[in-house]
Amino acid sequence: MLHVQRRGDGFRWRRKVPEGLRSRFVKRELVVSLRTKDRATAIVRGRRLTAVADRLFASAMTDTALTTDRINAIARDWLAKELDAAERDLEKVRAGETLYAAPDPEIEPIQADLTLLSDLIGDSREALAVNDYKQIEVVADELLAAGGLSVDRASDAYGRFCRTLLRAQVELLNQTKARRVGDYGHPARDPLFALPPVATTVAPPVDRTPQSMALAELVEVYAEAKVRDGEWKGRTLTNTKPKLTRFSEILNNKAVDDLTRDDVRDWRDALADMELSNNTIIQNFKYVNAMLNWAKIEGKCTIDSPLKGLAPKADDADRDA
């Protein structure tokens, strides 16, 4: 499967993270711009990314070390899912109904739920105090199996995992209790599950300096100047301008002053992916370098050409056809 998708006038590579590995990744899917409008080039790059992802996922599957970072990530992910499920239940409860406790005509429904949740919080805290993990072991085993992890129950890592899950369970019950009475401003009590503070920053001053022109605009201005000065005629124009346009497209029409040597390497690799010979790529380098040098002289940009030293070596003239 290529995992290559069209995005606007370009292409991107998109791959979902396997369910059992999501606690180890920041995102549930990996998305990378393929930085090309050409489908053939996108497919070549997509295959490379797919191969890299396959190796990454395989390595993650076989890595069974239950580190502290992984324990915390699994616990946070479990808490988020359980809070979401609890919210779905809260959306369905009606006035006069209990959600967690058994109905009792002697006790108001919401109060009955709060009393039960308080008892459960007390039980979980008591279990934490004496490191009694019986009530959470089933959850722990299910999460380890889902993540493809094999951990000895007698190990310290398993004990730390259960203890962290008990902390997550206490946080879940505290949040659920607050939400049962409509309190959604209840902060996380356990710092392990608290959201990082939102940084308050002063907006930076607006940069009023003019931006350099985009590559596509430079190509047009440069071509017009060359034709006007009589340097480009007939086949010179038809052979040269498409190569400059392709340079612009592969680099997503960046501003000229923003070009870097890494951009040049990406462009060079894209040309290689198209199975162009080194001599043809060198010819492309010659045309683009001339355009960027002209742009600097004419005040169309402020940077020096970043192409120096990055062209491939010329093909051996004696090699087999």
C-alpha atoms as a PDB file:
ATOM      1  CA  MET A   1       0.000   0.000   0.000  1.00  0.00           C
ATOM      2  CA  LEU A   2       1.528   3.333  -1.068  1.00  0.00           C
ATOM      3  CA  HIS A   3      -0.171   5.644   1.480  1.00  0.00           C
ATOM      4  CA  VAL A   4       0.196   8.490  -1.070  1.00  0.00           C
ATOM      5  CA  GLN A   5      -2.675  10.988  -1.247  1.00  0.00           C
ATOM      6  CA  ARG A   6      -3.292  14.061  -3.358  1.00  0.00           C
ATOM      7  CA  ARG A   7      -3.372  17.227  -1.256  1.00  0.00           C
ATOM      8  CA  GLY A   8      -4.433  20.328  -3.173  1.00  0.00           C
ATOM      9  CA  ASP A   9      -2.148  20.485  -6.191  1.00  0.00           C
ATOM     10  CA  GLY A  10       0.515  18.348  -4.506  1.00  0.00           C
ATOM     11  CA  PHE A  11       0.840  15.017  -2.707  1.00  0.00           C
ATOM     12  CA  ARG A  12       1.341  13.813   0.842  1.00  0.00           C
ATOM     13  CA  TRP A  13       2.182  10.515   2.551  1.00  0.00           C
ATOM     14  CA  ARG A  14      -0.150   9.433   5.344  1.00  0.00           C
ATOM     15  CA  ARG A  15       0.171   6.358   7.581  1.00  0.00           C
ATOM     16  CA  LYS A  16      -1.855   5.397  10.658  1.00  0.00           C
ATOM     17  CA  VAL A  17       0.082   4.282  13.720  1.00  0.00           C
ATOM     18  CA  PRO A  18      -0.882   0.684  14.648  1.00  0.00           C
ATOM     19  CA  GLU A  19      -3.341   0.520  17.554  1.00  0.00           C
ATOM     20  CA  GLY A  20      -0.902  -1.303  19.806  1.00  0.00           C
ATOM     21  CA  LEU A  21       1.786   1.355  19.359  1.00  0.00           C
ATOM     22  CA  ARG A  22      -0.226   4.550  19.763  1.00  0.00           C
ATOM     23  CA  SER A  23       0.805   5.030  23.378  1.00  0.00           C
ATOM     24  CA  ARG A  24       4.392   5.384  22.131  1.00  0.00           C
ATOM     25  CA  PHE A  25       3.751   8.033  19.486  1.00  0.00           C
ATOM     26  CA  VAL A  26       2.681  11.645  19.884  1.00  0.00           C
ATOM     27  CA  LYS A  27       0.166  11.354  17.043  1.00  0.00           C
ATOM     28  CA  ARG A  28      -2.222   8.646  15.865  1.00  0.00           C
ATOM     29  CA  GLU A  29      -0.999   8.997  12.293  1.00  0.00           C
ATOM     30  CA  LEU A  30       2.122  10.130  10.509  1.00  0.00           C
ATOM     31  CA  VAL A  31       1.706  12.745   7.758  1.00  0.00           C
ATOM     32  CA  VAL A  32       4.537  14.045   5.563  1.00  0.00           C
ATOM     33  CA  SER A  33       4.352  16.439   2.613  1.00  0.00           C
ATOM     34  CA  LEU A  34       5.964  14.829  -0.430  1.00  0.00           C
ATOM     35  CA  ARG A  35       6.828  18.280  -1.812  1.00  0.00           C
ATOM     36  CA  THR A  36       5.974  17.544  -5.423  1.00  0.00           C
ATOM     37  CA  LYS A  37       3.122  17.912  -7.887  1.00  0.00           C
ATOM     38  CA  ASP A  38       4.337  14.997  -9.979  1.00  0.00           C
ATOM     39  CA  ARG A  39       2.562  11.729  -9.147  1.00  0.00           C
ATOM     40  CA  ALA A  40       5.457   9.504 -10.238  1.00  0.00           C
ATOM     41  CA  THR A  41       7.862  11.374  -7.961  1.00  0.00           C
ATOM     42  CA  ALA A  42       5.334  11.232  -5.111  1.00  0.00           C
ATOM     43  CA  ILE A  43       5.018   7.450  -5.482  1.00  0.00           C
ATOM     44  CA  VAL A  44       8.786   6.952  -5.318  1.00  0.00           C
ATOM     45  CA  ARG A  45       9.063   9.086  -2.178  1.00  0.00           C
ATOM     46  CA  GLY A  46       5.973   7.447  -0.670  1.00  0.00           C
ATOM     47  CA  ARG A  47       7.506   3.991  -1.070  1.00  0.00           C
ATOM     48  CA  ARG A  48      10.629   5.118   0.741  1.00  0.00           C
ATOM     49  CA  LEU A  49       8.617   6.541   3.642  1.00  0.00           C
ATOM     50  CA  THR A  50       6.492   3.392   3.842  1.00  0.00           C
ATOM     51  CA  ALA A  51       9.642   1.265   4.104  1.00  0.00           C
ATOM     52  CA  VAL A  52      11.003   3.509   6.866  1.00  0.00           C
ATOM     53  CA  ALA A  53       7.669   3.367   8.758  1.00  0.00           C
ATOM     54  CA  ASP A  54       7.558  -0.435   8.459  1.00  0.00           C
ATOM     55  CA  ARG A  55      11.009  -0.694  10.035  1.00  0.00           C
ATOM     56  CA  LEU A  56      10.072   1.818  12.743  1.00  0.00           C
ATOM     57  CA  PHE A  57       6.863  -0.010  13.675  1.00  0.00           C
ATOM     58  CA  ALA A  58       8.598  -3.396  13.620  1.00  0.00           C
ATOM     59  CA  SER A  59      11.284  -2.079  15.951  1.00  0.00           C
ATOM     60  CA  ALA A  60       8.666  -0.635  18.293  1.00  0.00           C
ATOM     61  CA  MET A  61       6.776  -3.938  18.334  1.00  0.00           C
ATOM     62  CA  THR A  62       9.858  -5.904  19.349  1.00  0.00           C
ATOM     63  CA  ASP A  63      11.018  -3.361  21.955  1.00  0.00           C
ATOM     64  CA  THR A  64       9.347  -4.647  25.107  1.00  0.00           C
ATOM     65  CA  ALA A  65      11.136  -2.487  27.672  1.00  0.00           C
ATOM     66  CA  LEU A  66       8.560  -0.952  30.015  1.00  0.00           C
ATOM     67  CA  THR A  67      10.301   2.344  30.683  1.00  0.00           C
ATOM     68  CA  THR A  68       8.948   5.082  32.913  1.00  0.00           C
ATOM     69  CA  ASP A  69       8.192   7.253  29.886  1.00  0.00           C
ATOM     70  CA  ARG A  70       6.217   4.444  28.268  1.00  0.00           C
ATOM     71  CA  ILE A  71       4.339   3.703  31.513  1.00  0.00           C
ATOM     72  CA  ASN A  72       3.342   7.364  31.814  1.00  0.00           C
ATOM     73  CA  ALA A  73       2.316   7.554  28.157  1.00  0.00           C
ATOM     74  CA  ILE A  74       0.115   4.444  28.396  1.00  0.00           C
ATOM     75  CA  ALA A  75      -1.510   5.713  31.616  1.00  0.00           C
ATOM     76  CA  ARG A  76      -2.253   9.131  30.109  1.00  0.00           C
ATOM     77  CA  ASP A  77      -3.707   7.546  26.993  1.00  0.00           C
ATOM     78  CA  TRP A  78      -5.895   5.204  29.069  1.00  0.00           C
ATOM     79  CA  LEU A  79      -7.126   8.085  31.243  1.00  0.00           C
ATOM     80  CA  ALA A  80      -8.045  10.161  28.187  1.00  0.00           C
ATOM     81  CA  LYS A  81     -10.032   7.286  26.670  1.00  0.00           C
ATOM     82  CA  GLU A  82     -11.826   6.512  29.930  1.00  0.00           C
ATOM     83  CA  LEU A  83     -12.737  10.180  30.456  1.00  0.00           C
ATOM     84  CA  ASP A  84     -14.125  10.282  26.937  1.00  0.00           C
ATOM     85  CA  ALA A  85     -16.205   7.155  27.592  1.00  0.00           C
ATOM     86  CA  ALA A  86     -17.455   8.640  30.887  1.00  0.00           C
ATOM     87  CA  GLU A  87     -18.484  11.802  29.056  1.00  0.00           C
ATOM     88  CA  ARG A  88     -20.514   9.752  26.576  1.00  0.00           C
ATOM     89  CA  ASP A  89     -22.341   8.151  29.544  1.00  0.00           C
ATOM     90  CA  LEU A  90     -22.996  11.558  31.129  1.00  0.00           C
ATOM     91  CA  GLU A  91     -24.607  12.752  27.911  1.00  0.00           C
ATOM     92  CA  LYS A  92     -27.242  10.007  28.172  1.00  0.00           C
ATOM     93  CA  VAL A  93     -28.295  10.360  31.827  1.00  0.00           C
ATOM     94  CA  ARG A  94     -31.681  12.000  32.489  1.00  0.00           C
ATOM     95  CA  ALA A  95     -33.072  13.925  35.448  1.00  0.00           C
ATOM     96  CA  GLY A  96     -34.104  11.598  38.263  1.00  0.00           C
ATOM     97  CA  GLU A  97     -31.770   8.797  37.108  1.00  0.00           C
ATOM     98  CA  THR A  98     -28.645   7.441  38.729  1.00  0.00           C
ATOM     99  CA  LEU A  99     -25.687   6.806  36.465  1.00  0.00           C
ATOM    100  CA  TYR A 100     -23.331   4.790  38.673  1.00  0.00           C
ATOM    101  CA  ALA A 101     -25.197   3.829  41.834  1.00  0.00           C
ATOM    102  CA  ALA A 102     -28.164   1.501  42.131  1.00  0.00           C
ATOM    103  CA  PRO A 103     -31.483   3.431  42.297  1.00  0.00           C
ATOM    104  CA  ASP A 104     -32.636   4.116  45.863  1.00  0.00           C
ATOM    105  CA  PRO A 105     -35.913   5.983  46.513  1.00  0.00           C
ATOM    106  CA  GLU A 106     -34.481   7.213  49.811  1.00  0.00           C
ATOM    107  CA  ILE A 107     -31.498   8.975  48.193  1.00  0.00           C
ATOM    108  CA  GLU A 108     -31.443  11.691  45.541  1.00  0.00           C
ATOM    109  CA  PRO A 109     -29.903  10.165  42.311  1.00  0.00           C
ATOM    110  CA  ILE A 110     -26.993  12.563  41.941  1.00  0.00           C
ATOM    111  CA  GLN A 111     -26.106  12.253  45.623  1.00  0.00           C
ATOM    112  CA  ALA A 112     -26.179   8.468  45.305  1.00  0.00           C
ATOM    113  CA  ASP A 113     -23.704   8.655  42.426  1.00  0.00           C
ATOM    114  CA  LEU A 114     -21.432  11.046  44.326  1.00  0.00           C
ATOM    115  CA  THR A 115     -21.406   8.797  47.376  1.00  0.00           C
ATOM    116  CA  LEU A 116     -20.446   5.766  45.285  1.00  0.00           C
ATOM    117  CA  LEU A 117     -17.705   7.679  43.457  1.00  0.00           C
ATOM    118  CA  SER A 118     -16.311   8.921  46.791  1.00  0.00           C
ATOM    119  CA  ASP A 119     -16.205   5.337  48.073  1.00  0.00           C
ATOM    120  CA  LEU A 120     -14.369   4.198  44.921  1.00  0.00           C
ATOM    121  CA  ILE A 121     -11.869   7.045  45.263  1.00  0.00           C
ATOM    122  CA  GLY A 122     -11.236   5.993  48.869  1.00  0.00           C
ATOM    123  CA  ASP A 123     -10.716   2.358  47.840  1.00  0.00           C
ATOM    124  CA  SER A 124      -8.209   3.328  45.125  1.00  0.00           C
ATOM    125  CA  ARG A 125      -6.271   5.625  47.445  1.00  0.00           C
ATOM    126  CA  GLU A 126      -6.114   2.930  50.098  1.00  0.00           C
ATOM    127  CA  ALA A 127      -4.795   0.485  47.486  1.00  0.00           C
ATOM    128  CA  LEU A 128      -2.130   3.031  46.522  1.00  0.00           C
ATOM    129  CA  ALA A 129      -1.133   3.489  50.154  1.00  0.00           C
ATOM    130  CA  VAL A 130      -0.394  -0.214  50.617  1.00  0.00           C
ATOM    131  CA  ASN A 131       0.648  -1.034  47.025  1.00  0.00           C
ATOM    132  CA  ASP A 132      -2.277  -3.413  46.551  1.00  0.00           C
ATOM    133  CA  TYR A 133      -2.759  -3.731  42.807  1.00  0.00           C
ATOM    134  CA  LYS A 134      -5.439  -6.425  42.630  1.00  0.00           C
ATOM    135  CA  GLN A 135      -8.185  -4.048  41.488  1.00  0.00           C
ATOM    136  CA  ILE A 136      -6.139  -2.697  38.563  1.00  0.00           C
ATOM    137  CA  GLU A 137      -4.244  -5.811  37.393  1.00  0.00           C
ATOM    138  CA  VAL A 138      -6.892  -6.792  34.830  1.00  0.00           C
ATOM    139  CA  VAL A 139      -6.672  -3.353  33.221  1.00  0.00           C
ATOM    140  CA  ALA A 140      -2.869  -3.483  33.325  1.00  0.00           C
ATOM    141  CA  ASP A 141      -2.741  -6.879  31.626  1.00  0.00           C
ATOM    142  CA  GLU A 142      -5.151  -5.771  28.888  1.00  0.00           C
ATOM    143  CA  LEU A 143      -3.110  -2.644  28.141  1.00  0.00           C
ATOM    144  CA  LEU A 144       0.160  -4.581  28.040  1.00  0.00           C
ATOM    145  CA  ALA A 145      -1.325  -7.154  25.671  1.00  0.00           C
ATOM    146  CA  ALA A 146      -2.708  -4.401  23.404  1.00  0.00           C
ATOM    147  CA  GLY A 147       0.757  -2.839  23.258  1.00  0.00           C
ATOM    148  CA  GLY A 148       2.465  -6.127  22.464  1.00  0.00           C
ATOM    149  CA  LEU A 149       4.392  -5.995  25.757  1.00  0.00           C
ATOM    150  CA  SER A 150       5.377  -8.998  27.846  1.00  0.00           C
ATOM    151  CA  VAL A 151       6.191  -8.091  31.442  1.00  0.00           C
ATOM    152  CA  ASP A 152       6.790 -10.375  34.411  1.00  0.00           C
ATOM    153  CA  ARG A 153       4.188  -9.737  37.124  1.00  0.00           C
ATOM    154  CA  ALA A 154       6.885 -10.098  39.742  1.00  0.00           C
ATOM    155  CA  SER A 155       9.056  -7.380  38.198  1.00  0.00           C
ATOM    156  CA  ASP A 156       9.483  -3.861  39.523  1.00  0.00           C
ATOM    157  CA  ALA A 157       8.350  -2.501  36.160  1.00  0.00           C
ATOM    158  CA  TYR A 158       4.984  -4.254  36.470  1.00  0.00           C
ATOM    159  CA  GLY A 159       4.530  -2.836  39.955  1.00  0.00           C
ATOM    160  CA  ARG A 160       5.320   0.695  38.745  1.00  0.00           C
ATOM    161  CA  PHE A 161       2.885   0.235  35.861  1.00  0.00           C
ATOM    162  CA  CYS A 162       0.031  -0.848  38.168  1.00  0.00           C
ATOM    163  CA  ARG A 163       0.776   1.967  40.615  1.00  0.00           C
ATOM    164  CA  THR A 164       0.684   4.553  37.812  1.00  0.00           C
ATOM    165  CA  LEU A 165      -2.613   3.119  36.555  1.00  0.00           C
ATOM    166  CA  LEU A 166      -4.053   3.378  40.065  1.00  0.00           C
ATOM    167  CA  ARG A 167      -3.073   7.056  40.072  1.00  0.00           C
ATOM    168  CA  ALA A 168      -4.832   7.419  36.718  1.00  0.00           C
ATOM    169  CA  GLN A 169      -7.902   5.686  38.155  1.00  0.00           C
ATOM    170  CA  VAL A 170      -8.031   8.092  41.105  1.00  0.00           C
ATOM    171  CA  GLU A 171      -7.793  11.013  38.667  1.00  0.00           C
ATOM    172  CA  LEU A 172     -10.548   9.475  36.518  1.00  0.00           C
ATOM    173  CA  LEU A 173     -12.865   9.106  39.506  1.00  0.00           C
ATOM    174  CA  ASN A 174     -12.153  12.654  40.751  1.00  0.00           C
ATOM    175  CA  GLN A 175     -12.844  14.147  37.312  1.00  0.00           C
ATOM    176  CA  THR A 176     -15.987  12.042  36.892  1.00  0.00           C
ATOM    177  CA  LYS A 177     -17.297  13.094  40.291  1.00  0.00           C
ATOM    178  CA  ALA A 178     -16.836  16.773  39.430  1.00  0.00           C
ATOM    179  CA  ARG A 179     -18.487  16.372  36.031  1.00  0.00           C
ATOM    180  CA  ARG A 180     -21.466  14.576  37.590  1.00  0.00           C
ATOM    181  CA  VAL A 181     -22.429  17.940  39.125  1.00  0.00           C
ATOM    182  CA  GLY A 182     -21.541  19.918  35.995  1.00  0.00           C
ATOM    183  CA  ASP A 183     -18.079  21.053  37.124  1.00  0.00           C
ATOM    184  CA  TYR A 184     -15.759  21.016  34.083  1.00  0.00           C
ATOM    185  CA  GLY A 185     -13.276  23.453  35.552  1.00  0.00           C
ATOM    186  CA  HIS A 186     -11.975  20.820  37.943  1.00  0.00           C
ATOM    187  CA  PRO A 187      -8.167  20.774  37.595  1.00  0.00           C
ATOM    188  CA  ALA A 188      -6.189  17.551  37.614  1.00  0.00           C
ATOM    189  CA  ARG A 189      -4.989  16.861  41.136  1.00  0.00           C
ATOM    190  CA  ASP A 190      -2.211  14.475  40.143  1.00  0.00           C
ATOM    191  CA  PRO A 191       0.645  16.381  38.448  1.00  0.00           C
ATOM    192  CA  LEU A 192       1.333  13.398  36.190  1.00  0.00           C
ATOM    193  CA  PHE A 193      -1.945  14.060  34.391  1.00  0.00           C
ATOM    194  CA  ALA A 194      -2.079  17.856  34.622  1.00  0.00           C
ATOM    195  CA  LEU A 195      -2.002  19.767  31.368  1.00  0.00           C
ATOM    196  CA  PRO A 196       1.062  21.978  30.911  1.00  0.00           C
ATOM    197  CA  PRO A 197       0.362  25.656  31.652  1.00  0.00           C
ATOM    198  CA  VAL A 198      -0.566  27.798  28.684  1.00  0.00           C
ATOM    199  CA  ALA A 199       2.287  30.188  28.063  1.00  0.00           C
ATOM    200  CA  THR A 200       1.317  33.833  27.883  1.00  0.00           C
ATOM    201  CA  THR A 201       3.548  35.578  25.394  1.00  0.00           C
ATOM    202  CA  VAL A 202       3.611  39.033  23.940  1.00  0.00           C
ATOM    203  CA  ALA A 203       3.045  38.992  20.213  1.00  0.00           C
ATOM    204  CA  PRO A 204       6.289  39.779  18.410  1.00  0.00           C
ATOM    205  CA  PRO A 205       6.396  42.994  16.413  1.00  0.00           C
ATOM    206  CA  VAL A 206       5.209  42.646  12.857  1.00  0.00           C
ATOM    207  CA  ASP A 207       8.082  42.433  10.420  1.00  0.00           C
ATOM    208  CA  ARG A 208       7.470  45.220   7.927  1.00  0.00           C
ATOM    209  CA  THR A 209      10.451  44.393   5.739  1.00  0.00           C
ATOM    210  CA  PRO A 210       9.409  43.365   2.233  1.00  0.00           C
ATOM    211  CA  GLN A 211       9.618  39.674   1.455  1.00  0.00           C
ATOM    212  CA  SER A 212      11.596  38.439  -1.507  1.00  0.00           C
ATOM    213  CA  MET A 213       9.654  37.226  -4.502  1.00  0.00           C
ATOM    214  CA  ALA A 214       8.559  33.615  -4.821  1.00  0.00           C
ATOM    215  CA  LEU A 215      10.516  31.253  -7.050  1.00  0.00           C
ATOM    216  CA  ALA A 216       7.764  31.018  -9.676  1.00  0.00           C
ATOM    217  CA  GLU A 217       7.704  34.811  -9.990  1.00  0.00           C
ATOM    218  CA  LEU A 218      11.486  34.915 -10.266  1.00  0.00           C
ATOM    219  CA  VAL A 219      11.401  32.359 -13.083  1.00  0.00           C
ATOM    220  CA  GLU A 220       8.991  34.556 -15.041  1.00  0.00           C
ATOM    221  CA  VAL A 221      10.946  37.774 -14.425  1.00  0.00           C
ATOM    222  CA  TYR A 222      14.228  36.073 -15.290  1.00  0.00           C
ATOM    223  CA  ALA A 223      12.857  34.526 -18.497  1.00  0.00           C
ATOM    224  CA  GLU A 224      11.345  37.839 -19.607  1.00  0.00           C
ATOM    225  CA  ALA A 225      14.691  39.589 -19.050  1.00  0.00           C
ATOM    226  CA  LYS A 226      16.622  36.959 -20.983  1.00  0.00           C
ATOM    227  CA  VAL A 227      14.202  37.121 -23.917  1.00  0.00           C
ATOM    228  CA  ARG A 228      14.179  40.921 -23.845  1.00  0.00           C
ATOM    229  CA  ASP A 229      17.987  41.055 -23.874  1.00  0.00           C
ATOM    230  CA  GLY A 230      18.115  38.636 -26.788  1.00  0.00           C
ATOM    231  CA  GLU A 231      19.968  35.930 -24.836  1.00  0.00           C
ATOM    232  CA  TRP A 232      17.166  33.353 -25.011  1.00  0.00           C
ATOM    233  CA  LYS A 233      15.693  32.455 -28.390  1.00  0.00           C
ATOM    234  CA  GLY A 234      13.793  29.497 -29.746  1.00  0.00           C
ATOM    235  CA  ARG A 235      15.036  26.216 -28.275  1.00  0.00           C
ATOM    236  CA  THR A 236      17.032  27.929 -25.522  1.00  0.00           C
ATOM    237  CA  LEU A 237      13.800  29.253 -24.039  1.00  0.00           C
ATOM    238  CA  THR A 238      11.871  25.992 -24.458  1.00  0.00           C
ATOM    239  CA  ASN A 239      14.723  23.938 -22.990  1.00  0.00           C
ATOM    240  CA  THR A 240      15.653  26.158 -20.064  1.00  0.00           C
ATOM    241  CA  LYS A 241      12.466  27.606 -18.609  1.00  0.00           C
ATOM    242  CA  PRO A 242      10.774  24.216 -17.864  1.00  0.00           C
ATOM    243  CA  LYS A 243      13.793  23.195 -15.779  1.00  0.00           C
ATOM    244  CA  LEU A 244      13.553  26.388 -13.742  1.00  0.00           C
ATOM    245  CA  THR A 245       9.808  25.922 -13.332  1.00  0.00           C
ATOM    246  CA  ARG A 246      10.356  22.367 -12.079  1.00  0.00           C
ATOM    247  CA  PHE A 247      12.853  23.716  -9.507  1.00  0.00           C
ATOM    248  CA  SER A 248      10.153  26.100  -8.265  1.00  0.00           C
ATOM    249  CA  GLU A 249       7.497  23.377  -8.077  1.00  0.00           C
ATOM    250  CA  ILE A 250       9.644  20.816  -6.257  1.00  0.00           C
ATOM    251  CA  LEU A 251      10.479  23.425  -3.599  1.00  0.00           C
ATOM    252  CA  ASN A 252       6.822  24.446  -3.229  1.00  0.00           C
ATOM    253  CA  ASN A 253       7.413  27.906  -4.668  1.00  0.00           C
ATOM    254  CA  LYS A 254       9.414  29.159  -1.661  1.00  0.00           C
ATOM    255  CA  ALA A 255      10.497  32.753  -1.330  1.00  0.00           C
ATOM    256  CA  VAL A 256      13.927  33.115  -2.919  1.00  0.00           C
ATOM    257  CA  ASP A 257      15.565  34.500   0.237  1.00  0.00           C
ATOM    258  CA  ASP A 258      14.325  31.471   2.199  1.00  0.00           C
ATOM    259  CA  LEU A 259      16.224  28.944   0.074  1.00  0.00           C
ATOM    260  CA  THR A 260      18.657  26.734   2.006  1.00  0.00           C
ATOM    261  CA  ARG A 261      21.205  24.118   1.077  1.00  0.00           C
ATOM    262  CA  ASP A 262      18.830  21.465   2.425  1.00  0.00           C
ATOM    263  CA  ASP A 263      16.265  22.665  -0.124  1.00  0.00           C
ATOM    264  CA  VAL A 264      18.867  22.207  -2.842  1.00  0.00           C
ATOM    265  CA  ARG A 265      19.572  18.679  -1.624  1.00  0.00           C
ATOM    266  CA  ASP A 266      15.822  17.876  -1.702  1.00  0.00           C
ATOM    267  CA  TRP A 267      15.589  19.171  -5.273  1.00  0.00           C
ATOM    268  CA  ARG A 268      18.680  17.221  -6.319  1.00  0.00           C
ATOM    269  CA  ASP A 269      17.263  14.021  -4.763  1.00  0.00           C
ATOM    270  CA  ALA A 270      13.918  14.587  -6.496  1.00  0.00           C
ATOM    271  CA  LEU A 271      15.694  14.836  -9.857  1.00  0.00           C
ATOM    272  CA  ALA A 272      17.537  11.615  -9.056  1.00  0.00           C
ATOM    273  CA  ASP A 273      14.214   9.948  -8.190  1.00  0.00           C
ATOM    274  CA  MET A 274      13.072  10.812 -11.712  1.00  0.00           C
ATOM    275  CA  GLU A 275      16.000   8.671 -12.932  1.00  0.00           C
ATOM    276  CA  LEU A 276      17.735  11.585 -14.615  1.00  0.00           C
ATOM    277  CA  SER A 277      21.432  11.085 -15.357  1.00  0.00           C
ATOM    278  CA  ASN A 278      24.027  12.964 -13.337  1.00  0.00           C
ATOM    279  CA  ASN A 279      24.965  14.956 -16.432  1.00  0.00           C
ATOM    280  CA  THR A 280      21.342  16.068 -16.862  1.00  0.00           C
ATOM    281  CA  ILE A 281      21.123  17.021 -13.186  1.00  0.00           C
ATOM    282  CA  ILE A 282      24.359  19.013 -13.526  1.00  0.00           C
ATOM    283  CA  GLN A 283      22.756  20.876 -16.448  1.00  0.00           C
ATOM    284  CA  ASN A 284      19.782  21.716 -14.193  1.00  0.00           C
ATOM    285  CA  PHE A 285      22.219  23.003 -11.563  1.00  0.00           C
ATOM    286  CA  LYS A 286      23.854  25.233 -14.174  1.00  0.00           C
ATOM    287  CA  TYR A 287      20.545  26.849 -15.214  1.00  0.00           C
ATOM    288  CA  VAL A 288      19.267  27.381 -11.654  1.00  0.00           C
ATOM    289  CA  ASN A 289      22.607  28.728 -10.431  1.00  0.00           C
ATOM    290  CA  ALA A 290      22.685  31.252 -13.272  1.00  0.00           C
ATOM    291  CA  MET A 291      19.170  32.427 -12.369  1.00  0.00           C
ATOM    292  CA  LEU A 292      20.016  32.870  -8.671  1.00  0.00           C
ATOM    293  CA  ASN A 293      23.245  34.718  -9.433  1.00  0.00           C
ATOM    294  CA  TRP A 294      21.304  37.039 -11.755  1.00  0.00           C
ATOM    295  CA  ALA A 295      18.680  37.594  -9.037  1.00  0.00           C
ATOM    296  CA  LYS A 296      21.357  38.668  -6.525  1.00  0.00           C
ATOM    297  CA  ILE A 297      22.947  41.101  -9.004  1.00  0.00           C
ATOM    298  CA  GLU A 298      19.573  42.564 -10.001  1.00  0.00           C
ATOM    299  CA  GLY A 299      18.437  42.998  -6.380  1.00  0.00           C
ATOM    300  CA  LYS A 300      15.681  40.377  -6.627  1.00  0.00           C
ATOM    301  CA  CYS A 301      17.068  38.558  -3.565  1.00  0.00           C
ATOM    302  CA  THR A 302      19.669  39.081  -0.856  1.00  0.00           C
ATOM    303  CA  ILE A 303      21.199  35.617  -0.593  1.00  0.00           C
ATOM    304  CA  ASP A 304      24.061  34.080  -2.517  1.00  0.00           C
ATOM    305  CA  SER A 305      23.245  30.997  -4.535  1.00  0.00           C
ATOM    306  CA  PRO A 306      23.162  27.973  -2.155  1.00  0.00           C
ATOM    307  CA  LEU A 307      23.978  25.491  -4.954  1.00  0.00           C
ATOM    308  CA  LYS A 308      27.767  25.607  -4.646  1.00  0.00           C
ATOM    309  CA  GLY A 309      29.346  22.174  -4.152  1.00  0.00           C
ATOM    310  CA  LEU A 310      26.066  20.225  -4.168  1.00  0.00           C
ATOM    311  CA  ALA A 311      25.903  19.105  -7.807  1.00  0.00           C
ATOM    312  CA  PRO A 312      26.519  15.384  -8.378  1.00  0.00           C
ATOM    313  CA  LYS A 313      29.648  14.083 -10.057  1.00  0.00           C
ATOM    314  CA  ALA A 314      29.506  13.797 -13.826  1.00  0.00           C
ATOM    315  CA  ASP A 315      28.760  10.403 -15.347  1.00  0.00           C
ATOM    316  CA  ASP A 316      31.691   8.378 -16.653  1.00  0.00           C
ATOM    317  CA  ALA A 317      31.905   9.084 -20.356  1.00  0.00           C
ATOM    318  CA  ASP A 318      33.039   5.501 -20.991  1.00  0.00           C
ATOM    319  CA  ARG A 319      30.249   3.737 -19.119  1.00  0.00           C
ATOM    320  CA  ASP A 320      27.938   1.331 -20.955  1.00  0.00           C
ATOM    321  CA  ALA A 321      24.893   2.858 -22.542  1.00  0.00           C
END
